């Protein structure tokens, strides 16, 4: 699948979407699991699509995580599965809010996170996943 993050949001998704609305978008029932023993709501995994969707206890979407083999466009460039060094150079020049985190990078006022767990180990490490936050109900 191709996902595009544009103007501060993931195209086709918006804050306030319910679990049933997300199921309709993907056209299938997800596998559900608890992310941690302390989770307050089930996480929906669309395994064949390499996507996890997180919800609050009211079944309102709080975030969506996209993994390979998907394409994730940000500023019209794929970032998922690409070399983190090249991607971060490009993104930091396009987003003034770009910042470094323990497991990756934040941008778009902390709405978007690039998961790069091994970023300190090798210069050619790849972006493993992308997370879009909908916490706080921002549209």
Protein backbone atom coordinates (compact mmCIF):
# COMPACT_ATOMS: atom_id res chain seq x y z
CA UNK A 1 0.00 0.00 0.00
CA UNK A 2 1.00 3.60 -0.44
CA UNK A 3 0.42 6.00 2.45
CA UNK A 4 0.97 9.73 2.18
CA UNK A 5 1.51 12.20 4.99
CA UNK A 6 0.50 15.59 3.71
CA UNK A 7 -0.32 18.90 5.38
CA UNK A 8 0.08 17.41 8.86
CA UNK A 9 -2.08 14.33 8.40
CA UNK A 10 -2.16 10.89 6.85
CA UNK A 11 -4.29 11.05 3.71
CA UNK A 12 -7.52 9.08 4.20
CA UNK A 13 -7.34 9.11 8.03
CA UNK A 14 -8.42 11.74 10.56
CA UNK A 15 -8.66 12.29 14.28
CA UNK A 16 -11.77 10.88 15.87
CA UNK A 17 -12.12 7.83 13.64
CA UNK A 18 -13.60 4.81 15.37
CA UNK A 19 -12.41 1.22 15.27
CA UNK A 20 -15.29 0.28 12.95
CA UNK A 21 -14.50 3.16 10.57
CA UNK A 22 -10.89 1.99 10.31
CA UNK A 23 -12.03 -1.60 9.64
CA UNK A 24 -14.20 -0.30 6.79
CA UNK A 25 -11.25 1.62 5.32
CA UNK A 26 -9.13 -1.53 5.23
CA UNK A 27 -12.04 -3.78 4.25
CA UNK A 28 -11.13 -6.56 6.65
CA UNK A 29 -11.24 -7.63 10.28
CA UNK A 30 -7.94 -7.17 12.12
CA UNK A 31 -6.13 -9.45 14.51
CA UNK A 32 -6.30 -7.84 17.95
CA UNK A 33 -3.73 -7.92 20.74
CA UNK A 34 -2.68 -6.03 23.87
CA UNK A 35 0.50 -4.06 23.14
CA UNK A 36 1.61 -4.23 26.79
CA UNK A 37 0.14 -5.64 30.00
CA UNK A 38 -0.73 -2.03 30.92
CA UNK A 39 -2.64 -1.23 27.71
CA UNK A 40 -6.16 0.08 28.15
CA UNK A 41 -7.36 -0.98 24.70
CA UNK A 42 -6.66 -3.62 22.09
CA UNK A 43 -4.37 -2.84 19.17
CA UNK A 44 -5.63 -3.79 15.71
CA UNK A 45 -3.08 -5.50 13.48
CA UNK A 46 -3.72 -5.67 9.75
CA UNK A 47 -1.04 -8.29 9.26
CA UNK A 48 -1.36 -8.70 5.49
CA UNK A 49 -0.99 -4.92 5.16
CA UNK A 50 1.81 -4.44 7.74
CA UNK A 51 -0.19 -1.86 9.71
CA UNK A 52 -1.01 -1.51 13.43
CA UNK A 53 -3.74 0.86 14.61
CA UNK A 54 -3.89 2.00 18.25
CA UNK A 55 -7.08 3.08 20.02
CA UNK A 56 -8.05 4.60 23.34
CA UNK A 57 -10.49 2.95 25.73
CA UNK A 58 -13.40 4.54 23.81
CA UNK A 59 -12.25 2.85 20.56
CA UNK A 60 -11.13 6.15 19.01
CA UNK A 61 -7.95 5.95 16.94
CA UNK A 62 -4.88 7.31 18.73
CA UNK A 63 -2.24 6.39 16.18
CA UNK A 64 -1.33 4.31 13.19
CA UNK A 65 1.96 2.50 12.59
CA UNK A 66 3.01 1.59 9.05
CA UNK A 67 5.79 -0.89 8.28
CA UNK A 68 7.46 -2.34 5.21
CA UNK A 69 6.69 -3.41 2.51
CA UNK A 70 4.40 -0.34 2.41
CA UNK A 71 5.46 2.95 0.90
CA UNK A 72 5.14 5.99 3.16
CA UNK A 73 5.46 9.35 1.43
CA UNK A 74 6.43 12.41 3.43
CA UNK A 75 7.13 15.64 1.54
CA UNK A 76 6.60 13.52 -1.60
CA UNK A 77 9.47 11.17 -0.74
CA UNK A 78 9.31 7.57 0.49
CA UNK A 79 10.86 7.28 3.94
CA UNK A 80 9.96 3.73 4.92
CA UNK A 81 12.75 1.21 4.40
CA UNK A 82 15.13 3.92 3.24
CA UNK A 83 18.53 4.77 4.74
CA UNK A 84 17.88 6.85 7.84
CA UNK A 85 20.79 9.20 7.26
CA UNK A 86 19.57 10.32 3.82
CA UNK A 87 15.94 10.52 4.93
CA UNK A 88 16.73 12.61 8.01
CA UNK A 89 18.87 15.05 6.02
CA UNK A 90 15.99 15.54 3.58
CA UNK A 91 13.28 15.81 6.25
CA UNK A 92 15.20 18.14 8.56
CA UNK A 93 15.60 20.59 5.68
CA UNK A 94 11.81 20.46 5.04
CA UNK A 95 10.48 20.59 8.62
CA UNK A 96 11.67 23.07 11.25
CA UNK A 97 10.19 20.91 14.05
CA UNK A 98 12.44 17.92 13.19
CA UNK A 99 14.04 16.45 16.34
CA UNK A 100 16.12 13.47 17.42
CA UNK A 101 14.65 10.86 19.80
CA UNK A 102 15.97 7.73 21.50
CA UNK A 103 14.49 5.31 18.96
CA UNK A 104 14.24 7.54 15.94
CA UNK A 105 13.12 10.97 14.83
CA UNK A 106 10.12 13.23 15.33
CA UNK A 107 8.73 15.73 12.87
CA UNK A 108 5.61 17.70 11.99
CA UNK A 109 5.28 19.00 15.57
CA UNK A 110 5.65 15.46 16.99
CA UNK A 111 2.74 14.12 14.92
CA UNK A 112 5.03 11.85 12.92
CA UNK A 113 7.74 9.52 14.22
CA UNK A 114 10.29 7.57 12.23
CA UNK A 115 11.28 4.40 14.08
CA UNK A 116 15.02 3.77 13.66
CA UNK A 117 15.95 1.48 16.58
CA UNK A 118 19.54 0.83 15.48
CA UNK A 119 20.42 4.38 14.42
CA UNK A 120 23.60 4.58 16.46
CA UNK A 121 24.98 1.23 15.32
CA UNK A 122 25.62 1.73 11.62
CA UNK A 123 25.52 4.60 9.12
CA UNK A 124 23.32 2.67 6.67
CA UNK A 125 20.55 1.71 9.11
CA UNK A 126 17.02 1.84 7.67
CA UNK A 127 13.78 3.47 8.79
CA UNK A 128 11.85 0.44 10.15
CA UNK A 129 8.41 1.96 10.73
CA UNK A 130 6.50 5.21 10.71
CA UNK A 131 4.01 6.24 13.40
CA UNK A 132 1.37 8.95 12.98
CA UNK A 133 -0.13 10.26 16.23
CA UNK A 134 -3.76 11.26 16.58
CA UNK A 135 -3.60 11.76 20.34
CA UNK A 136 -5.24 14.95 21.43
CA UNK A 137 -7.80 14.71 18.61
CA UNK A 138 -5.94 16.85 16.09
CA UNK A 139 -7.47 16.74 12.62
